[in-house]
């Protein structure tokens, strides 16, 4: 199937969902092709680096599209962004492609995953993206404007890791599932102890293909 620009008109399945998300969030021309190249690299390298599950490898476009729903919560044109626990880059790389004006850092502990991320950055010629290898604690005080992560770990545990990476009033956006609102409300008081506040929870991707719905964005601000 030929993709022209980011058009979703003639594409089926997960690739259509991704192209639709790129259109909705006004990604630059050619973003669909770039992420198609990234998806192929993911499939080729999955076993070597332990990047993603076998089921996700069949259609990595869907989680990429879910990651793009973060753009519903953040409208700034220029930001310093960190993808915490980047793994195979399913969040950070689509965001870097869709927002070339943002500076994106992919933070990851695994050496193999970092090597893969560096290869992906080179393949896509992402001049706005760098890789940092190590634990988040080693980079405390870097003062990013925005931290992001996919659904891994509890909100409080992840906030404890993320807050030292943020500037004052910086925000952390976590992609969560159906129970996000309840989980976030239960975390409200413990977030205050960490010097953070719950800004809100919003359903994302509600106008997109079914694969991209059922995603919630939990937004937390550093005080």
N, C-alpha and C. Protein backbone atom coordinates (compact mmCIF):
# COMPACT_ATOMS: atom_id res chain seq x y z
N UNK A 1 0.85 -1.20 0.00
CA UNK A 1 0.00 0.00 0.00
C UNK A 1 0.88 1.24 0.00
N UNK A 2 0.57 2.20 -0.82
CA UNK A 2 1.36 3.43 -0.91
C UNK A 2 0.74 4.49 -0.03
N UNK A 3 1.57 5.11 0.79
CA UNK A 3 1.12 6.21 1.64
C UNK A 3 1.60 7.51 1.02
N UNK A 4 0.69 8.42 0.80
CA UNK A 4 1.04 9.73 0.28
C UNK A 4 0.94 10.73 1.42
N UNK A 5 2.07 11.35 1.77
CA UNK A 5 2.08 12.23 2.93
C UNK A 5 1.76 11.42 4.16
N UNK A 6 0.77 11.90 4.95
CA UNK A 6 0.33 11.16 6.13
C UNK A 6 -1.09 10.66 5.95
N UNK A 7 -1.59 10.60 4.71
CA UNK A 7 -2.99 10.29 4.47
C UNK A 7 -3.36 8.89 4.92
N UNK A 8 -4.51 8.79 5.61
CA UNK A 8 -5.00 7.49 6.07
C UNK A 8 -6.06 6.93 5.14
N UNK A 9 -6.36 7.62 4.05
CA UNK A 9 -7.53 7.29 3.24
C UNK A 9 -7.47 5.90 2.64
N UNK A 10 -6.30 5.43 2.24
CA UNK A 10 -6.22 4.16 1.52
C UNK A 10 -5.50 3.08 2.30
N UNK A 11 -5.44 3.19 3.62
CA UNK A 11 -4.68 2.25 4.44
C UNK A 11 -5.64 1.55 5.39
N UNK A 12 -5.37 0.28 5.65
CA UNK A 12 -6.22 -0.48 6.55
C UNK A 12 -5.48 -0.83 7.83
N UNK A 13 -6.26 -1.18 8.89
CA UNK A 13 -5.71 -1.74 10.10
C UNK A 13 -4.86 -0.78 10.89
N UNK A 14 -3.85 -1.33 11.61
CA UNK A 14 -3.01 -0.51 12.48
C UNK A 14 -2.30 0.62 11.76
N UNK A 15 -1.86 0.39 10.51
CA UNK A 15 -1.19 1.46 9.77
C UNK A 15 -2.13 2.62 9.51
N UNK A 16 -3.39 2.30 9.26
CA UNK A 16 -4.39 3.36 9.08
C UNK A 16 -4.56 4.15 10.37
N UNK A 17 -4.63 3.46 11.49
CA UNK A 17 -4.80 4.14 12.77
C UNK A 17 -3.64 5.10 13.03
N UNK A 18 -2.42 4.66 12.73
CA UNK A 18 -1.26 5.52 12.93
C UNK A 18 -1.31 6.72 12.00
N UNK A 19 -1.61 6.49 10.73
CA UNK A 19 -1.68 7.60 9.77
C UNK A 19 -2.76 8.60 10.16
N UNK A 20 -3.87 8.09 10.68
CA UNK A 20 -4.95 8.97 11.13
C UNK A 20 -4.50 9.84 12.30
N UNK A 21 -3.76 9.24 13.23
CA UNK A 21 -3.25 10.00 14.37
C UNK A 21 -2.27 11.07 13.90
N UNK A 22 -1.41 10.74 12.95
CA UNK A 22 -0.45 11.72 12.44
C UNK A 22 -1.16 12.89 11.78
N UNK A 23 -2.23 12.62 11.07
CA UNK A 23 -3.02 13.69 10.46
C UNK A 23 -3.67 14.56 11.53
N UNK A 24 -4.30 13.90 12.52
CA UNK A 24 -5.02 14.64 13.56
C UNK A 24 -4.09 15.58 14.32
N UNK A 25 -2.89 15.11 14.62
CA UNK A 25 -1.96 15.89 15.43
C UNK A 25 -1.00 16.72 14.58
N UNK A 26 -1.29 16.83 13.29
CA UNK A 26 -0.58 17.73 12.38
C UNK A 26 0.92 17.47 12.36
N UNK A 27 1.26 16.21 12.22
CA UNK A 27 2.67 15.84 12.07
C UNK A 27 3.17 16.29 10.71
N UNK A 28 4.46 16.52 10.57
CA UNK A 28 5.01 16.97 9.29
C UNK A 28 4.79 15.95 8.18
N UNK A 29 4.79 16.42 6.96
CA UNK A 29 4.69 15.55 5.79
C UNK A 29 5.81 14.51 5.84
N UNK A 30 5.48 13.29 5.51
CA UNK A 30 6.48 12.22 5.49
C UNK A 30 6.61 11.47 6.80
N UNK A 31 5.87 11.86 7.83
CA UNK A 31 5.98 11.20 9.13
C UNK A 31 5.54 9.74 9.07
N UNK A 32 4.50 9.45 8.29
CA UNK A 32 4.01 8.07 8.19
C UNK A 32 5.08 7.16 7.59
N UNK A 33 5.76 7.64 6.56
CA UNK A 33 6.82 6.85 5.95
C UNK A 33 7.96 6.61 6.94
N UNK A 34 8.32 7.65 7.69
CA UNK A 34 9.40 7.53 8.67
C UNK A 34 9.05 6.48 9.72
N UNK A 35 7.84 6.54 10.24
CA UNK A 35 7.45 5.58 11.27
C UNK A 35 7.24 4.19 10.70
N UNK A 36 6.93 4.09 9.41
CA UNK A 36 6.90 2.78 8.76
C UNK A 36 8.28 2.15 8.74
N UNK A 37 9.31 2.95 8.45
CA UNK A 37 10.69 2.47 8.50
C UNK A 37 11.06 2.03 9.91
N UNK A 38 10.66 2.81 10.88
CA UNK A 38 10.93 2.48 12.28
C UNK A 38 10.24 1.17 12.66
N UNK A 39 9.01 0.97 12.24
CA UNK A 39 8.28 -0.27 12.55
C UNK A 39 9.00 -1.48 11.96
N UNK A 40 9.52 -1.35 10.75
CA UNK A 40 10.25 -2.46 10.13
C UNK A 40 11.54 -2.76 10.89
N UNK A 41 12.21 -1.70 11.35
CA UNK A 41 13.42 -1.91 12.15
C UNK A 41 13.09 -2.59 13.47
N UNK A 42 12.00 -2.21 14.09
CA UNK A 42 11.56 -2.86 15.33
C UNK A 42 11.37 -4.36 15.13
N UNK A 43 10.70 -4.71 14.06
CA UNK A 43 10.43 -6.13 13.80
C UNK A 43 11.72 -6.90 13.58
N UNK A 44 12.66 -6.30 12.85
CA UNK A 44 13.92 -6.99 12.57
C UNK A 44 14.78 -7.17 13.82
N UNK A 45 14.73 -6.19 14.71
CA UNK A 45 15.65 -6.17 15.86
C UNK A 45 15.02 -6.67 17.15
N UNK A 46 13.74 -6.99 17.13
CA UNK A 46 13.00 -7.31 18.35
C UNK A 46 13.67 -8.41 19.17
N UNK A 47 14.03 -9.52 18.54
CA UNK A 47 14.60 -10.64 19.27
C UNK A 47 15.96 -10.33 19.86
N UNK A 48 16.79 -9.62 19.10
CA UNK A 48 18.15 -9.32 19.57
C UNK A 48 18.14 -8.44 20.81
N UNK A 49 17.33 -7.41 20.81
CA UNK A 49 17.36 -6.43 21.90
C UNK A 49 16.25 -6.62 22.92
N UNK A 50 15.34 -7.58 22.71
CA UNK A 50 14.22 -7.75 23.64
C UNK A 50 13.36 -6.51 23.72
N UNK A 51 13.05 -5.94 22.56
CA UNK A 51 12.42 -4.62 22.52
C UNK A 51 10.95 -4.63 22.88
N UNK A 52 10.18 -5.51 22.25
CA UNK A 52 8.74 -5.53 22.42
C UNK A 52 8.26 -6.98 22.37
N UNK A 53 7.04 -7.21 22.85
CA UNK A 53 6.47 -8.55 22.84
C UNK A 53 6.19 -9.01 21.42
N UNK A 54 6.04 -10.34 21.25
CA UNK A 54 5.77 -10.87 19.92
C UNK A 54 4.44 -10.37 19.38
N UNK A 55 3.44 -10.24 20.27
CA UNK A 55 2.13 -9.75 19.81
C UNK A 55 2.21 -8.30 19.37
N UNK A 56 2.97 -7.49 20.10
CA UNK A 56 3.12 -6.08 19.73
C UNK A 56 3.94 -5.94 18.45
N UNK A 57 4.86 -6.86 18.23
CA UNK A 57 5.69 -6.79 17.03
C UNK A 57 4.88 -6.97 15.76
N UNK A 58 3.73 -7.65 15.88
CA UNK A 58 2.88 -7.85 14.71
C UNK A 58 2.27 -6.54 14.23
N UNK A 59 2.04 -5.62 15.15
CA UNK A 59 1.41 -4.34 14.77
C UNK A 59 1.90 -3.22 15.68
N UNK A 60 3.18 -2.85 15.59
CA UNK A 60 3.70 -1.79 16.46
C UNK A 60 3.10 -0.42 16.15
N UNK A 61 2.42 -0.30 15.00
CA UNK A 61 1.81 0.99 14.65
C UNK A 61 0.75 1.42 15.67
N UNK A 62 0.03 0.45 16.25
CA UNK A 62 -1.02 0.80 17.21
C UNK A 62 -0.45 1.46 18.47
N UNK A 63 0.55 0.88 19.15
CA UNK A 63 1.13 1.59 20.30
C UNK A 63 1.81 2.90 19.93
N UNK A 64 2.34 2.98 18.71
CA UNK A 64 2.91 4.26 18.27
C UNK A 64 1.81 5.32 18.19
N UNK A 65 0.68 4.94 17.63
CA UNK A 65 -0.45 5.87 17.55
C UNK A 65 -0.96 6.26 18.92
N UNK A 66 -1.00 5.29 19.84
CA UNK A 66 -1.41 5.61 21.21
C UNK A 66 -0.47 6.63 21.82
N UNK A 67 0.82 6.47 21.58
CA UNK A 67 1.79 7.42 22.13
C UNK A 67 1.55 8.83 21.62
N UNK A 68 1.14 8.95 20.38
CA UNK A 68 0.89 10.27 19.81
C UNK A 68 -0.27 10.99 20.47
N UNK A 69 -1.16 10.26 21.14
CA UNK A 69 -2.28 10.93 21.81
C UNK A 69 -1.80 11.86 22.91
N UNK A 70 -0.58 11.69 23.37
CA UNK A 70 0.00 12.63 24.35
C UNK A 70 -0.09 14.06 23.85
N UNK A 71 -0.07 14.25 22.55
CA UNK A 71 -0.09 15.60 21.98
C UNK A 71 -1.40 16.32 22.24
N UNK A 72 -2.42 15.60 22.69
CA UNK A 72 -3.67 16.25 23.08
C UNK A 72 -3.51 17.05 24.37
N UNK A 73 -2.53 16.68 25.18
CA UNK A 73 -2.35 17.33 26.48
C UNK A 73 -1.30 18.42 26.47
N UNK A 74 -0.46 18.46 25.44
CA UNK A 74 0.66 19.40 25.39
C UNK A 74 0.65 20.11 24.04
N UNK A 75 0.59 21.44 24.06
CA UNK A 75 0.47 22.20 22.82
C UNK A 75 1.69 23.06 22.51
N UNK A 76 2.67 23.11 23.40
CA UNK A 76 3.83 23.97 23.18
C UNK A 76 4.58 23.60 21.91
N UNK A 77 5.13 24.60 21.23
CA UNK A 77 5.85 24.36 19.99
C UNK A 77 7.28 23.89 20.24
N UNK A 78 7.88 24.31 21.35
CA UNK A 78 9.27 23.94 21.63
C UNK A 78 9.40 23.52 23.09
N UNK A 79 9.88 22.31 23.29
CA UNK A 79 10.02 21.76 24.64
C UNK A 79 11.27 20.90 24.71
N UNK A 80 11.81 20.79 25.93
CA UNK A 80 12.85 19.81 26.24
C UNK A 80 12.13 18.63 26.88
N UNK A 81 12.17 17.47 26.24
CA UNK A 81 11.34 16.33 26.61
C UNK A 81 12.21 15.12 26.91
N UNK A 82 11.80 14.33 27.93
CA UNK A 82 12.48 13.07 28.21
C UNK A 82 11.47 11.93 28.23
N UNK A 83 11.80 10.87 27.53
CA UNK A 83 11.02 9.64 27.52
C UNK A 83 11.68 8.69 28.50
N UNK A 84 11.04 8.47 29.65
CA UNK A 84 11.65 7.74 30.76
C UNK A 84 11.40 6.24 30.60
N UNK A 85 12.49 5.46 30.59
CA UNK A 85 12.36 4.03 30.34
C UNK A 85 11.93 3.80 28.91
N UNK A 86 12.68 4.36 27.98
CA UNK A 86 12.24 4.42 26.58
C UNK A 86 12.07 3.06 25.93
N UNK A 87 12.83 2.06 26.38
CA UNK A 87 12.70 0.73 25.79
C UNK A 87 13.05 0.75 24.31
N UNK A 88 12.10 0.32 23.48
CA UNK A 88 12.31 0.35 22.04
C UNK A 88 11.95 1.67 21.40
N UNK A 89 11.56 2.66 22.21
CA UNK A 89 11.26 3.98 21.67
C UNK A 89 9.85 4.17 21.17
N UNK A 90 8.94 3.29 21.57
CA UNK A 90 7.57 3.36 21.05
C UNK A 90 6.85 4.65 21.40
N UNK A 91 7.33 5.35 22.42
CA UNK A 91 6.74 6.64 22.74
C UNK A 91 7.62 7.78 22.21
N UNK A 92 8.87 7.75 22.58
CA UNK A 92 9.74 8.87 22.26
C UNK A 92 9.97 9.10 20.78
N UNK A 93 10.13 8.03 20.01
CA UNK A 93 10.44 8.21 18.59
C UNK A 93 9.24 8.75 17.81
N UNK A 94 8.03 8.22 17.98
CA UNK A 94 6.90 8.85 17.29
C UNK A 94 6.71 10.32 17.66
N UNK A 95 6.92 10.66 18.94
CA UNK A 95 6.79 12.05 19.36
C UNK A 95 7.87 12.91 18.69
N UNK A 96 9.09 12.40 18.62
CA UNK A 96 10.18 13.14 17.98
C UNK A 96 9.91 13.37 16.50
N UNK A 97 9.32 12.38 15.84
CA UNK A 97 8.98 12.52 14.43
C UNK A 97 7.87 13.55 14.24
N UNK A 98 6.86 13.47 15.09
CA UNK A 98 5.68 14.34 14.94
C UNK A 98 5.94 15.78 15.37
N UNK A 99 6.93 15.99 16.25
CA UNK A 99 7.24 17.32 16.75
C UNK A 99 8.73 17.61 16.60
N UNK A 100 9.18 17.94 15.39
CA UNK A 100 10.60 18.19 15.17
C UNK A 100 11.12 19.42 15.91
N UNK A 101 10.23 20.29 16.38
CA UNK A 101 10.66 21.44 17.16
C UNK A 101 10.96 21.12 18.61
N UNK A 102 10.59 19.93 19.06
CA UNK A 102 10.89 19.51 20.42
C UNK A 102 12.27 18.84 20.45
N UNK A 103 12.98 18.99 21.55
CA UNK A 103 14.22 18.26 21.77
C UNK A 103 13.89 17.05 22.64
N UNK A 104 14.10 15.86 22.12
CA UNK A 104 13.65 14.63 22.77
C UNK A 104 14.85 13.81 23.23
N UNK A 105 14.84 13.43 24.51
CA UNK A 105 15.87 12.56 25.07
C UNK A 105 15.25 11.22 25.41
N UNK A 106 15.85 10.15 24.93
CA UNK A 106 15.38 8.79 25.21
C UNK A 106 16.25 8.22 26.32
N UNK A 107 15.68 8.06 27.51
CA UNK A 107 16.42 7.60 28.69
C UNK A 107 16.16 6.12 28.90
N UNK A 108 17.22 5.32 28.88
CA UNK A 108 17.07 3.86 28.94
C UNK A 108 18.28 3.22 29.62
N UNK A 109 18.05 2.20 30.45
CA UNK A 109 19.14 1.53 31.15
C UNK A 109 19.86 0.48 30.30
N UNK A 110 19.12 -0.24 29.47
CA UNK A 110 19.67 -1.37 28.74
C UNK A 110 20.61 -0.93 27.62
N UNK A 111 21.81 -1.49 27.62
CA UNK A 111 22.76 -1.16 26.57
C UNK A 111 22.28 -1.57 25.19
N UNK A 112 21.68 -2.74 25.09
CA UNK A 112 21.18 -3.20 23.79
C UNK A 112 20.05 -2.31 23.28
N UNK A 113 19.17 -1.94 24.17
CA UNK A 113 18.07 -1.06 23.75
C UNK A 113 18.60 0.31 23.34
N UNK A 114 19.60 0.80 24.06
CA UNK A 114 20.20 2.08 23.67
C UNK A 114 20.85 1.99 22.30
N UNK A 115 21.50 0.86 22.02
CA UNK A 115 22.10 0.67 20.70
C UNK A 115 21.03 0.67 19.62
N UNK A 116 19.91 0.02 19.90
CA UNK A 116 18.81 0.02 18.93
C UNK A 116 18.27 1.44 18.73
N UNK A 117 18.07 2.16 19.83
CA UNK A 117 17.54 3.52 19.73
C UNK A 117 18.47 4.41 18.90
N UNK A 118 19.77 4.27 19.12
CA UNK A 118 20.73 5.06 18.33
C UNK A 118 20.63 4.70 16.85
N UNK A 119 20.43 3.41 16.55
CA UNK A 119 20.27 2.99 15.16
C UNK A 119 19.01 3.60 14.55
N UNK A 120 17.92 3.59 15.32
CA UNK A 120 16.66 4.16 14.82
C UNK A 120 16.79 5.66 14.57
N UNK A 121 17.45 6.35 15.48
CA UNK A 121 17.66 7.80 15.31
C UNK A 121 18.44 8.08 14.03
N UNK A 122 19.48 7.27 13.79
CA UNK A 122 20.26 7.45 12.57
C UNK A 122 19.47 7.14 11.32
N UNK A 123 18.69 6.05 11.36
CA UNK A 123 17.89 5.66 10.20
C UNK A 123 16.91 6.75 9.81
N UNK A 124 16.28 7.36 10.82
CA UNK A 124 15.25 8.37 10.56
C UNK A 124 15.81 9.79 10.49
N UNK A 125 17.12 9.91 10.73
CA UNK A 125 17.79 11.22 10.69
C UNK A 125 17.11 12.20 11.64
N UNK A 126 16.92 11.75 12.88
CA UNK A 126 16.23 12.58 13.89
C UNK A 126 17.24 13.47 14.60
N UNK A 127 17.44 14.65 14.07
CA UNK A 127 18.42 15.57 14.64
C UNK A 127 17.99 16.13 15.98
N UNK A 128 16.70 15.99 16.32
CA UNK A 128 16.19 16.52 17.59
C UNK A 128 16.21 15.50 18.71
N UNK A 129 16.84 14.34 18.50
CA UNK A 129 16.72 13.23 19.44
C UNK A 129 18.08 12.69 19.85
N UNK A 130 18.23 12.42 21.17
CA UNK A 130 19.46 11.82 21.69
C UNK A 130 19.09 10.68 22.64
N UNK A 131 20.07 9.83 22.92
CA UNK A 131 19.89 8.71 23.83
C UNK A 131 20.78 8.91 25.05
N UNK A 132 20.22 8.69 26.24
CA UNK A 132 20.99 8.66 27.47
C UNK A 132 20.88 7.27 28.08
N UNK A 133 22.02 6.66 28.38
CA UNK A 133 22.00 5.34 29.00
C UNK A 133 22.24 5.47 30.50
N UNK A 134 21.35 4.85 31.29
CA UNK A 134 21.52 4.84 32.73
C UNK A 134 20.21 4.93 33.46
N UNK A 135 20.28 4.92 34.79
CA UNK A 135 19.09 5.09 35.62
C UNK A 135 18.71 6.56 35.66
N UNK A 136 17.42 6.81 35.83
CA UNK A 136 16.94 8.19 35.89
C UNK A 136 17.61 8.97 37.00
N UNK A 137 17.90 8.31 38.13
CA UNK A 137 18.50 9.00 39.27
C UNK A 137 19.84 9.64 38.92
N UNK A 138 20.54 9.06 37.97
CA UNK A 138 21.85 9.59 37.58
C UNK A 138 21.74 10.92 36.84
N UNK A 139 20.54 11.24 36.38
CA UNK A 139 20.35 12.46 35.59
C UNK A 139 19.44 13.47 36.30
N UNK A 140 19.26 13.31 37.60
CA UNK A 140 18.46 14.26 38.37
C UNK A 140 19.04 15.66 38.23
N UNK A 141 18.17 16.65 38.13
CA UNK A 141 18.61 18.03 38.01
C UNK A 141 18.75 18.51 36.57
N UNK A 142 18.39 17.69 35.59
CA UNK A 142 18.52 18.13 34.20
C UNK A 142 17.44 19.11 33.78
N UNK A 143 16.34 19.15 34.51
CA UNK A 143 15.28 20.16 34.34
C UNK A 143 14.64 20.14 32.95
N UNK A 144 14.06 19.02 32.61
CA UNK A 144 13.26 18.92 31.39
C UNK A 144 11.92 19.64 31.59
N UNK A 145 11.34 20.10 30.48
CA UNK A 145 10.01 20.71 30.54
C UNK A 145 8.92 19.65 30.66
N UNK A 146 9.17 18.50 30.07
CA UNK A 146 8.15 17.45 29.99
C UNK A 146 8.81 16.09 30.08
N UNK A 147 8.22 15.23 30.93
CA UNK A 147 8.60 13.82 30.98
C UNK A 147 7.40 13.00 30.55
N UNK A 148 7.67 11.87 29.93
CA UNK A 148 6.57 11.02 29.47
C UNK A 148 6.94 9.56 29.63
N UNK A 149 5.92 8.73 29.76
CA UNK A 149 6.15 7.29 29.83
C UNK A 149 4.89 6.56 29.42
N UNK A 150 5.08 5.33 28.93
CA UNK A 150 3.96 4.45 28.69
C UNK A 150 3.61 3.74 30.00
N UNK A 151 2.57 2.92 29.98
CA UNK A 151 2.03 2.31 31.20
C UNK A 151 2.99 1.28 31.78
N UNK A 152 3.86 1.72 32.66
CA UNK A 152 4.75 0.80 33.37
C UNK A 152 4.97 1.36 34.76
N UNK A 153 4.69 0.55 35.78
CA UNK A 153 4.82 1.01 37.15
C UNK A 153 3.64 1.86 37.58
N UNK A 154 3.46 1.99 38.88
CA UNK A 154 2.38 2.81 39.42
C UNK A 154 2.66 4.29 39.23
N UNK A 155 1.62 5.09 39.28
CA UNK A 155 1.76 6.53 39.08
C UNK A 155 2.67 7.16 40.12
N UNK A 156 2.51 6.77 41.38
CA UNK A 156 3.35 7.35 42.44
C UNK A 156 4.80 6.92 42.26
N UNK A 157 5.02 5.63 42.02
CA UNK A 157 6.39 5.14 41.84
C UNK A 157 7.07 5.82 40.66
N UNK A 158 6.36 5.95 39.56
CA UNK A 158 6.94 6.61 38.39
C UNK A 158 7.18 8.09 38.66
N UNK A 159 6.27 8.73 39.38
CA UNK A 159 6.45 10.16 39.69
C UNK A 159 7.66 10.37 40.58
N UNK A 160 7.91 9.44 41.47
CA UNK A 160 9.09 9.53 42.33
C UNK A 160 10.37 9.50 41.49
N UNK A 161 10.36 8.73 40.43
CA UNK A 161 11.50 8.65 39.52
C UNK A 161 11.61 9.90 38.65
N UNK A 162 10.47 10.39 38.20
CA UNK A 162 10.43 11.43 37.17
C UNK A 162 10.63 12.84 37.73
N UNK A 163 10.06 13.15 38.89
CA UNK A 163 10.08 14.53 39.38
C UNK A 163 11.48 15.15 39.44
N UNK A 164 12.52 14.42 39.86
CA UNK A 164 13.86 15.04 39.88
C UNK A 164 14.39 15.41 38.50
N UNK A 165 13.76 14.91 37.45
CA UNK A 165 14.20 15.23 36.09
C UNK A 165 13.56 16.50 35.54
N UNK A 166 12.55 17.01 36.23
CA UNK A 166 11.74 18.11 35.70
C UNK A 166 12.15 19.46 36.27
N UNK A 167 11.96 20.48 35.46
CA UNK A 167 12.08 21.85 35.95
C UNK A 167 10.85 22.18 36.80
N UNK A 168 10.92 23.25 37.55
CA UNK A 168 9.75 23.69 38.31
C UNK A 168 8.61 24.01 37.33
N UNK A 169 7.43 23.51 37.64
CA UNK A 169 6.24 23.61 36.78
C UNK A 169 6.32 22.70 35.55
N UNK A 170 7.38 21.89 35.47
CA UNK A 170 7.44 20.89 34.41
C UNK A 170 6.35 19.85 34.62
N UNK A 171 6.00 19.17 33.56
CA UNK A 171 4.89 18.22 33.63
C UNK A 171 5.31 16.81 33.23
N UNK A 172 4.66 15.87 33.87
CA UNK A 172 4.82 14.46 33.56
C UNK A 172 3.51 13.95 33.01
N UNK A 173 3.53 13.37 31.81
CA UNK A 173 2.33 12.79 31.20
C UNK A 173 2.54 11.29 31.07
N UNK A 174 1.65 10.53 31.69
CA UNK A 174 1.72 9.07 31.65
C UNK A 174 0.54 8.52 30.86
N UNK A 175 0.81 7.63 29.92
CA UNK A 175 -0.25 6.93 29.20
C UNK A 175 -0.70 5.75 30.05
N UNK A 176 -1.98 5.72 30.35
CA UNK A 176 -2.52 4.65 31.20
C UNK A 176 -3.74 4.03 30.52
N UNK A 177 -4.31 3.04 31.19
CA UNK A 177 -5.45 2.32 30.65
C UNK A 177 -6.76 2.75 31.27
N UNK A 178 -7.71 1.81 31.31
CA UNK A 178 -9.07 2.12 31.73
C UNK A 178 -9.18 2.61 33.17
N UNK A 179 -8.30 2.14 34.05
CA UNK A 179 -8.40 2.48 35.48
C UNK A 179 -7.63 3.74 35.85
N UNK A 180 -7.24 4.52 34.86
CA UNK A 180 -6.36 5.67 35.11
C UNK A 180 -6.96 6.68 36.08
N UNK A 181 -8.23 7.00 35.91
CA UNK A 181 -8.83 8.04 36.75
C UNK A 181 -8.85 7.63 38.22
N UNK A 182 -9.26 6.41 38.48
CA UNK A 182 -9.29 5.92 39.86
C UNK A 182 -7.89 5.87 40.45
N UNK A 183 -6.94 5.36 39.68
CA UNK A 183 -5.56 5.27 40.15
C UNK A 183 -4.99 6.65 40.46
N UNK A 184 -5.27 7.62 39.60
CA UNK A 184 -4.75 8.97 39.79
C UNK A 184 -5.34 9.63 41.03
N UNK A 185 -6.63 9.46 41.23
CA UNK A 185 -7.27 10.06 42.41
C UNK A 185 -6.71 9.46 43.69
N UNK A 186 -6.47 8.17 43.68
CA UNK A 186 -5.90 7.52 44.86
C UNK A 186 -4.48 8.00 45.13
N UNK A 187 -3.81 8.45 44.09
CA UNK A 187 -2.42 8.90 44.23
C UNK A 187 -2.29 10.36 44.62
N UNK A 188 -3.38 11.11 44.61
CA UNK A 188 -3.31 12.56 44.76
C UNK A 188 -2.53 13.00 46.00
N UNK A 189 -2.84 12.47 47.17
CA UNK A 189 -2.18 12.90 48.40
C UNK A 189 -0.70 12.51 48.41
N UNK A 190 -0.38 11.33 47.90
CA UNK A 190 1.01 10.90 47.88
C UNK A 190 1.83 11.71 46.87
N UNK A 191 1.19 12.19 45.83
CA UNK A 191 1.90 13.07 44.89
C UNK A 191 2.29 14.38 45.57
N UNK A 192 1.41 14.88 46.43
CA UNK A 192 1.71 16.12 47.15
C UNK A 192 2.97 15.98 48.00
N UNK A 193 3.16 14.81 48.59
CA UNK A 193 4.35 14.55 49.39
C UNK A 193 5.61 14.62 48.53
N UNK A 194 5.47 14.27 47.27
CA UNK A 194 6.60 14.31 46.33
C UNK A 194 6.83 15.69 45.74
N UNK A 195 6.02 16.68 46.16
CA UNK A 195 6.14 18.01 45.58
C UNK A 195 5.54 18.11 44.21
N UNK A 196 4.43 17.40 44.02
CA UNK A 196 3.76 17.38 42.72
C UNK A 196 2.26 17.47 42.93
N UNK A 197 1.55 17.81 41.87
CA UNK A 197 0.09 17.84 41.95
C UNK A 197 -0.52 17.20 40.71
N UNK A 198 -1.65 16.57 40.92
CA UNK A 198 -2.39 15.98 39.81
C UNK A 198 -3.12 17.09 39.07
N UNK A 199 -2.77 17.31 37.82
CA UNK A 199 -3.44 18.32 37.00
C UNK A 199 -4.77 17.79 36.49
N UNK A 200 -4.77 16.54 36.07
CA UNK A 200 -6.01 15.96 35.58
C UNK A 200 -5.79 14.67 34.82
N UNK A 201 -6.89 14.04 34.47
CA UNK A 201 -6.89 12.81 33.67
C UNK A 201 -7.85 13.03 32.51
N UNK A 202 -7.43 12.68 31.32
CA UNK A 202 -8.33 12.86 30.17
C UNK A 202 -8.26 11.63 29.27
N UNK A 203 -9.41 11.27 28.74
CA UNK A 203 -9.43 10.22 27.72
C UNK A 203 -8.85 10.81 26.44
N UNK A 204 -8.08 10.00 25.76
CA UNK A 204 -7.39 10.49 24.56
C UNK A 204 -7.75 9.62 23.36
N UNK A 205 -7.61 10.20 22.19
CA UNK A 205 -7.82 9.45 20.96
C UNK A 205 -9.26 9.04 20.71
N UNK A 206 -10.21 9.77 21.29
CA UNK A 206 -11.61 9.33 21.21
C UNK A 206 -12.18 9.42 19.80
N UNK A 207 -11.57 10.22 18.93
CA UNK A 207 -12.06 10.34 17.55
C UNK A 207 -11.29 9.44 16.58
N UNK A 208 -10.33 8.68 17.11
CA UNK A 208 -9.46 7.88 16.26
C UNK A 208 -9.98 6.46 16.09
N UNK A 209 -9.23 5.66 15.35
CA UNK A 209 -9.57 4.26 15.14
C UNK A 209 -9.65 3.52 16.48
N UNK A 210 -10.43 2.42 16.56
CA UNK A 210 -10.61 1.71 17.83
C UNK A 210 -9.30 1.30 18.51
N UNK A 211 -8.25 1.00 17.72
CA UNK A 211 -6.98 0.59 18.32
C UNK A 211 -6.38 1.67 19.22
N UNK A 212 -6.74 2.93 18.98
CA UNK A 212 -6.12 4.03 19.71
C UNK A 212 -7.01 4.60 20.80
N UNK A 213 -8.20 4.08 20.94
CA UNK A 213 -9.06 4.52 22.03
C UNK A 213 -8.67 3.80 23.31
N UNK A 214 -9.42 4.00 24.37
CA UNK A 214 -9.14 3.36 25.65
C UNK A 214 -7.75 3.75 26.17
N UNK A 215 -7.29 4.92 25.77
CA UNK A 215 -6.04 5.46 26.29
C UNK A 215 -6.37 6.68 27.14
N UNK A 216 -5.76 6.76 28.31
CA UNK A 216 -5.96 7.91 29.19
C UNK A 216 -4.62 8.57 29.46
N UNK A 217 -4.64 9.88 29.56
CA UNK A 217 -3.45 10.66 29.87
C UNK A 217 -3.56 11.18 31.29
N UNK A 218 -2.62 10.81 32.13
CA UNK A 218 -2.54 11.34 33.49
C UNK A 218 -1.48 12.44 33.47
N UNK A 219 -1.88 13.65 33.83
CA UNK A 219 -0.97 14.81 33.77
C UNK A 219 -0.65 15.26 35.19
N UNK A 220 0.63 15.32 35.50
CA UNK A 220 1.12 15.67 36.84
C UNK A 220 2.14 16.79 36.70
N UNK A 221 2.04 17.78 37.58
CA UNK A 221 2.93 18.95 37.52
C UNK A 221 3.84 18.98 38.74
N UNK A 222 5.10 19.33 38.49
CA UNK A 222 6.05 19.51 39.59
C UNK A 222 5.85 20.89 40.20
N UNK A 223 5.74 20.96 41.50
CA UNK A 223 5.52 22.23 42.19
C UNK A 223 6.84 22.92 42.53
